[in-house]
Amino acid sequence: MALVLQILEIIAPVFMLAFVGWTWVRTGHRYEIEFVTRLVMNISAPCLVFTSLVKVEIDPTAFRDVALAAVSAYALAGALITSICSIAGLSYRTYLAPLTFGNTGNMGLPLALYAFGELGLAYAVVIFAVTALLSFTLGVWVVTGRSSPMEAFRQPLFYAAIVGSAIGLLNVPVPKVAINTMSLAGQMMIPMMLITLGVSISRLNVSHVWRATVLSVLKAGICAIAGFGAAHVFGLTDASRGALVLQLLTPVAVTSYLLAERYNADAEAVSGLVVVSTMMTLAVVPAVLTVLL
């Protein structure tokens, strides 16, 4: 009973805030997703990444291992999903990136925070940064057929991760006023992005439900194998292992739908994946937490 209550305390806040966003739109209120997303990704998210890496003491070896484990897990998941797309005759442009990269910002960060505390959040931030880097390069390349490594260098998240990591590892003192200011700005990321997730889901059309369900189950299974496998190979334990597995298991991100819409992939199919995989998280995450906790 205690474990059930602990799991409920972890997942309930995430879905309750997403429900707030869903209800907000369903009751006829306006919500400017583009404005909120730009505000979060250009100001709040970099501040959260920076302060999380600076404030929490992480052994340099553990920091390195988490980043390498994340890259390895994504490589394995991507290879397996590529094989499935090839066998099933599914479009790589439509399905490869969404099924490989999850919603590590909106969903993964709060889950890691509530499950493993500030240390878990710091590890999750490292994985979030790795995901962002891969998404802005390989992910965009898969969907569009063209991309540039320079795209990642245009993102404030990239510099926040690099500078925050360096300062945290070298123990460089940061003025208290700077930390307090960036901490305050970073605190709005998680609630705002969860509400935005609910808003986005309320506006999506669910199509190809059967296919979306099958692929969501396959994504969860493949990403679980990749997450636990990479954690074992790199010797991750406790919070670092938990953060990696939770981040890998996050559902298809709304940004995958936006990319599909923008670059003429099958946006309707991706929207179905977003909704179905997000709902499936209600079952997947509690099951995995029973192993991780």
Protein backbone atom coordinates (compact mmCIF):
# COMPACT_ATOMS: atom_id res chain seq x y z
CA MET A 1 0.00 0.00 0.00
CA ALA A 2 2.86 2.36 0.83
CA LEU A 3 4.44 1.77 -2.61
CA VAL A 4 1.12 2.43 -4.36
CA LEU A 5 0.73 5.72 -2.49
CA GLN A 6 4.32 6.69 -3.32
CA ILE A 7 3.74 6.01 -7.03
CA LEU A 8 0.50 7.97 -6.95
CA GLU A 9 2.30 10.92 -5.39
CA ILE A 10 4.80 10.83 -8.27
CA ILE A 11 2.49 10.57 -11.26
CA ALA A 12 -0.64 12.38 -10.03
CA PRO A 13 0.81 15.95 -10.08
CA VAL A 14 2.03 15.43 -13.66
CA PHE A 15 -1.35 14.41 -15.03
CA MET A 16 -3.31 16.81 -12.85
CA LEU A 17 -1.46 19.81 -14.30
CA ALA A 18 -1.85 18.43 -17.82
CA PHE A 19 -5.56 18.08 -17.10
CA VAL A 20 -5.64 21.76 -16.09
CA GLY A 21 -4.38 22.66 -19.58
CA TRP A 22 -6.85 20.31 -21.25
CA THR A 23 -9.74 21.76 -19.25
CA TRP A 24 -8.61 25.35 -19.88
CA VAL A 25 -8.97 24.94 -23.64
CA ARG A 26 -12.08 22.78 -23.49
CA THR A 27 -13.88 25.50 -21.52
CA GLY A 28 -13.18 28.04 -24.27
CA HIS A 29 -10.18 29.93 -22.91
CA ARG A 30 -7.32 31.06 -25.15
CA TYR A 31 -3.82 29.67 -24.73
CA GLU A 32 -0.90 30.86 -26.87
CA ILE A 33 1.21 27.71 -27.19
CA GLU A 34 3.85 29.35 -29.40
CA PHE A 35 4.44 32.17 -26.91
CA VAL A 36 4.63 29.87 -23.90
CA THR A 37 6.92 27.43 -25.69
CA ARG A 38 9.30 30.18 -26.80
CA LEU A 39 9.36 31.62 -23.28
CA VAL A 40 10.09 28.26 -21.71
CA MET A 41 12.62 26.98 -24.25
CA ASN A 42 14.58 30.25 -24.48
CA ILE A 43 14.49 31.39 -20.85
CA SER A 44 13.02 29.00 -18.30
CA ALA A 45 14.46 25.70 -19.58
CA PRO A 46 18.04 27.00 -19.90
CA CYS A 47 17.78 28.46 -16.39
CA LEU A 48 16.49 25.15 -15.00
CA VAL A 49 19.22 23.19 -16.76
CA PHE A 50 21.94 25.57 -15.57
CA THR A 51 20.86 25.77 -11.92
CA SER A 52 20.20 22.02 -11.66
CA LEU A 53 23.71 21.23 -12.87
CA VAL A 54 25.32 23.90 -10.68
CA LYS A 55 23.46 23.32 -7.42
CA VAL A 56 23.54 19.52 -7.23
CA GLU A 57 26.89 17.84 -6.68
CA ILE A 58 27.38 15.05 -9.19
CA ASP A 59 30.55 13.02 -9.41
CA PRO A 60 32.20 13.77 -12.80
CA THR A 61 32.38 10.07 -13.62
CA ALA A 62 28.67 9.60 -12.92
CA PHE A 63 27.89 12.69 -14.98
CA ARG A 64 29.86 11.28 -17.92
CA ASP A 65 28.35 7.81 -17.59
CA VAL A 66 24.76 9.14 -17.58
CA ALA A 67 25.39 11.15 -20.75
CA LEU A 68 27.06 8.21 -22.51
CA ALA A 69 24.35 5.84 -21.34
CA ALA A 70 21.69 8.16 -22.77
CA VAL A 71 23.42 8.31 -26.16
CA SER A 72 23.87 4.53 -26.18
CA ALA A 73 20.26 3.91 -25.19
CA TYR A 74 18.99 6.16 -27.96
CA ALA A 75 21.29 4.45 -30.45
CA LEU A 76 19.93 1.03 -29.49
CA ALA A 77 16.31 2.19 -29.46
CA GLY A 78 16.77 3.94 -32.81
CA ALA A 79 18.30 0.82 -34.38
CA LEU A 80 15.47 -1.42 -33.16
CA ILE A 81 12.77 1.03 -34.26
CA THR A 82 14.45 1.37 -37.66
CA SER A 83 14.24 -2.41 -38.04
CA ILE A 84 10.54 -2.39 -37.12
CA CYS A 85 9.81 0.39 -39.61
CA SER A 86 11.65 -1.54 -42.30
CA ILE A 87 9.82 -4.81 -41.59
CA ALA A 88 6.40 -3.17 -41.28
CA GLY A 89 6.89 -0.84 -44.24
CA LEU A 90 6.40 2.28 -42.12
CA SER A 91 7.74 5.67 -43.17
CA TYR A 92 11.00 6.57 -41.42
CA ARG A 93 10.17 10.27 -41.78
CA THR A 94 6.91 9.80 -39.90
CA TYR A 95 7.73 7.24 -37.22
CA LEU A 96 11.47 6.96 -36.48
CA ALA A 97 12.07 10.18 -34.51
CA PRO A 98 8.74 10.18 -32.58
CA LEU A 99 9.20 6.56 -31.47
CA THR A 100 12.84 7.11 -30.49
CA PHE A 101 12.82 10.46 -28.70
CA GLY A 102 10.31 10.98 -25.91
CA ASN A 103 8.80 13.90 -24.05
CA THR A 104 11.82 14.28 -21.75
CA GLY A 105 11.07 17.91 -20.91
CA ASN A 106 7.34 18.12 -20.20
CA MET A 107 6.99 14.64 -18.74
CA GLY A 108 10.43 13.29 -17.86
CA LEU A 109 11.74 16.11 -15.66
CA PRO A 110 8.81 16.23 -13.22
CA LEU A 111 8.66 12.43 -13.01
CA ALA A 112 12.37 12.23 -12.16
CA LEU A 113 12.03 15.05 -9.64
CA TYR A 114 9.10 13.50 -7.77
CA ALA A 115 10.57 10.00 -7.91
CA PHE A 116 14.21 10.70 -7.06
CA GLY A 117 14.38 14.26 -5.75
CA GLU A 118 16.82 16.99 -6.76
CA LEU A 119 19.53 14.46 -7.61
CA GLY A 120 17.17 12.63 -9.93
CA LEU A 121 16.23 15.94 -11.54
CA ALA A 122 19.89 16.77 -12.15
CA TYR A 123 20.46 13.43 -13.89
CA ALA A 124 17.23 13.89 -15.87
CA VAL A 125 18.42 17.34 -16.96
CA VAL A 126 21.59 15.78 -18.39
CA ILE A 127 19.48 13.30 -20.37
CA PHE A 128 17.11 16.08 -21.42
CA ALA A 129 20.08 18.02 -22.81
CA VAL A 130 21.31 14.95 -24.71
CA THR A 131 17.82 14.41 -26.11
CA ALA A 132 17.56 18.02 -27.22
CA LEU A 133 20.95 17.86 -28.93
CA LEU A 134 20.06 14.67 -30.81
CA SER A 135 16.55 15.90 -31.67
CA PHE A 136 17.75 19.20 -33.12
CA THR A 137 20.28 17.39 -35.33
CA LEU A 138 19.46 13.74 -36.12
CA GLY A 139 15.74 14.10 -35.38
CA VAL A 140 15.28 17.03 -37.73
CA TRP A 141 17.43 15.33 -40.37
CA VAL A 142 15.22 12.20 -40.31
CA VAL A 143 12.01 14.20 -40.75
CA THR A 144 13.26 16.72 -43.31
CA GLY A 145 16.10 14.91 -45.05
CA ARG A 146 18.27 17.91 -44.31
CA SER A 147 19.71 19.45 -41.19
CA SER A 148 22.84 21.02 -39.84
CA PRO A 149 24.78 20.46 -36.62
CA MET A 150 24.65 24.24 -36.27
CA GLU A 151 20.95 23.94 -35.40
CA ALA A 152 21.89 22.60 -31.96
CA PHE A 153 24.29 25.49 -31.42
CA ARG A 154 21.44 27.95 -31.90
CA GLN A 155 19.59 26.58 -28.88
CA PRO A 156 20.09 28.26 -25.46
CA LEU A 157 19.71 24.82 -23.86
CA PHE A 158 22.98 23.72 -25.42
CA TYR A 159 24.97 26.53 -23.83
CA ALA A 160 23.18 26.21 -20.49
CA ALA A 161 24.15 22.52 -20.36
CA ILE A 162 27.78 23.15 -21.31
CA VAL A 163 28.33 26.10 -18.97
CA GLY A 164 26.36 24.57 -16.11
CA SER A 165 28.27 21.30 -16.39
CA ALA A 166 31.63 23.06 -16.41
CA ILE A 167 30.79 25.24 -13.40
CA GLY A 168 29.33 22.32 -11.48
CA LEU A 169 32.27 20.01 -12.14
CA LEU A 170 34.90 22.68 -11.42
CA ASN A 171 33.06 24.06 -8.37
CA VAL A 172 33.24 27.60 -9.68
CA PRO A 173 31.36 29.96 -7.33
CA VAL A 174 28.30 31.67 -8.79
CA PRO A 175 26.86 34.84 -7.21
CA LYS A 176 23.86 34.07 -5.02
CA VAL A 177 21.74 36.69 -6.76
CA ALA A 178 22.35 35.01 -10.12
CA ILE A 179 21.44 31.57 -8.80
CA ASN A 180 18.30 32.88 -7.11
CA THR A 181 17.18 34.71 -10.25
CA MET A 182 17.74 31.75 -12.55
CA SER A 183 16.20 29.33 -10.06
CA LEU A 184 13.06 31.47 -9.95
CA ALA A 185 12.90 31.57 -13.76
CA GLY A 186 13.55 27.84 -14.01
CA GLN A 187 10.77 26.95 -11.58
CA MET A 188 8.09 27.97 -14.06
CA MET A 189 9.23 25.48 -16.70
CA ILE A 190 7.74 22.28 -15.30
CA PRO A 191 4.21 23.55 -14.47
CA MET A 192 3.96 25.62 -17.65
CA MET A 193 5.07 22.80 -19.93
CA LEU A 194 2.74 20.31 -18.24
CA ILE A 195 -0.19 22.69 -18.74
CA THR A 196 0.95 23.22 -22.34
CA LEU A 197 1.04 19.45 -22.82
CA GLY A 198 -2.61 19.25 -21.78
CA VAL A 199 -3.51 22.13 -24.08
CA SER A 200 -1.72 20.47 -27.01
CA ILE A 201 -3.40 17.12 -26.46
CA SER A 202 -6.82 18.79 -26.34
CA ARG A 203 -6.22 20.16 -29.83
CA LEU A 204 -4.95 16.96 -31.45
CA ASN A 205 -7.06 14.58 -33.49
CA VAL A 206 -6.62 10.91 -32.66
CA SER A 207 -6.41 8.76 -35.78
CA HIS A 208 -5.10 5.29 -36.60
CA VAL A 209 -5.86 4.29 -32.99
CA TRP A 210 -5.06 0.61 -33.41
CA ARG A 211 -1.72 1.31 -35.10
CA ALA A 212 -0.90 4.01 -32.54
CA THR A 213 -1.63 1.59 -29.70
CA VAL A 214 0.56 -1.17 -31.12
CA LEU A 215 3.42 1.22 -31.85
CA SER A 216 3.13 2.83 -28.41
CA VAL A 217 3.43 -0.59 -26.77
CA LEU A 218 6.44 -1.39 -28.95
CA LYS A 219 8.02 1.97 -28.10
CA ALA A 220 7.59 1.35 -24.38
CA GLY A 221 9.08 -2.14 -24.63
CA ILE A 222 12.03 -1.10 -26.79
CA CYS A 223 12.82 1.96 -24.71
CA ALA A 224 12.61 -0.05 -21.48
CA ILE A 225 15.10 -2.56 -22.89
CA ALA A 226 17.37 0.25 -24.08
CA GLY A 227 17.15 2.14 -20.78
CA PHE A 228 17.73 -0.79 -18.45
CA GLY A 229 20.37 -2.22 -20.79
CA ALA A 230 22.38 1.01 -20.98
CA ALA A 231 22.06 1.51 -17.22
CA HIS A 232 23.49 -1.98 -16.65
CA VAL A 233 26.36 -1.55 -19.11
CA PHE A 234 27.43 1.78 -17.60
CA GLY A 235 26.87 0.70 -14.02
CA LEU A 236 24.13 3.22 -13.22
CA THR A 237 22.23 2.69 -9.99
CA ASP A 238 19.50 4.34 -7.93
CA ALA A 239 18.71 7.90 -9.08
CA SER A 240 20.87 7.81 -12.21
CA ARG A 241 19.36 4.52 -13.42
CA GLY A 242 15.86 5.68 -12.53
CA ALA A 243 16.24 8.99 -14.35
CA LEU A 244 17.56 7.28 -17.48
CA VAL A 245 14.79 4.68 -17.63
CA LEU A 246 12.03 7.20 -16.93
CA GLN A 247 13.35 9.57 -19.57
CA LEU A 248 13.56 6.81 -22.16
CA LEU A 249 9.99 5.73 -21.36
CA THR A 250 8.42 9.16 -21.78
CA PRO A 251 5.66 9.29 -24.42
CA VAL A 252 5.87 10.77 -27.91
CA ALA A 253 6.45 14.52 -27.68
CA VAL A 254 4.12 17.15 -29.10
CA THR A 255 7.12 18.64 -30.89
CA SER A 256 7.23 15.49 -33.04
CA TYR A 257 3.72 16.31 -34.24
CA LEU A 258 4.71 19.92 -34.94
CA LEU A 259 7.71 18.78 -37.01
CA ALA A 260 5.56 16.31 -38.95
CA GLU A 261 3.02 19.07 -39.63
CA ARG A 262 5.67 21.53 -40.70
CA TYR A 263 7.59 19.20 -43.02
CA ASN A 264 4.64 17.30 -44.56
CA ALA A 265 5.11 13.95 -42.84
CA ASP A 266 1.99 12.09 -41.68
CA ALA A 267 0.99 14.53 -38.94
CA GLU A 268 -2.30 12.76 -38.20
CA ALA A 269 -0.52 9.49 -37.48
CA VAL A 270 1.93 11.27 -35.16
CA SER A 271 -0.89 13.07 -33.34
CA GLY A 272 -2.45 9.69 -32.61
CA LEU A 273 0.87 8.48 -31.22
CA VAL A 274 1.16 11.53 -28.96
CA VAL A 275 -2.27 11.04 -27.40
CA VAL A 276 -2.19 7.24 -27.11
CA SER A 277 1.39 7.02 -25.77
CA THR A 278 0.68 9.80 -23.24
CA MET A 279 -2.39 7.98 -21.94
CA MET A 280 -0.44 4.73 -21.86
CA THR A 281 2.06 6.39 -19.52
CA LEU A 282 -0.57 6.07 -16.79
CA ALA A 283 0.03 2.31 -16.88
CA VAL A 284 3.66 2.12 -17.98
CA VAL A 285 5.23 4.48 -15.44
CA PRO A 286 3.66 2.95 -12.32
CA ALA A 287 4.73 -0.52 -13.50
CA VAL A 288 8.32 0.63 -14.04
CA LEU A 289 8.42 2.56 -10.75
CA THR A 290 7.68 -0.66 -8.87
CA VAL A 291 11.02 -1.91 -10.20
CA LEU A 292 12.98 1.34 -9.79
CA LEU A 293 11.87 2.36 -6.29
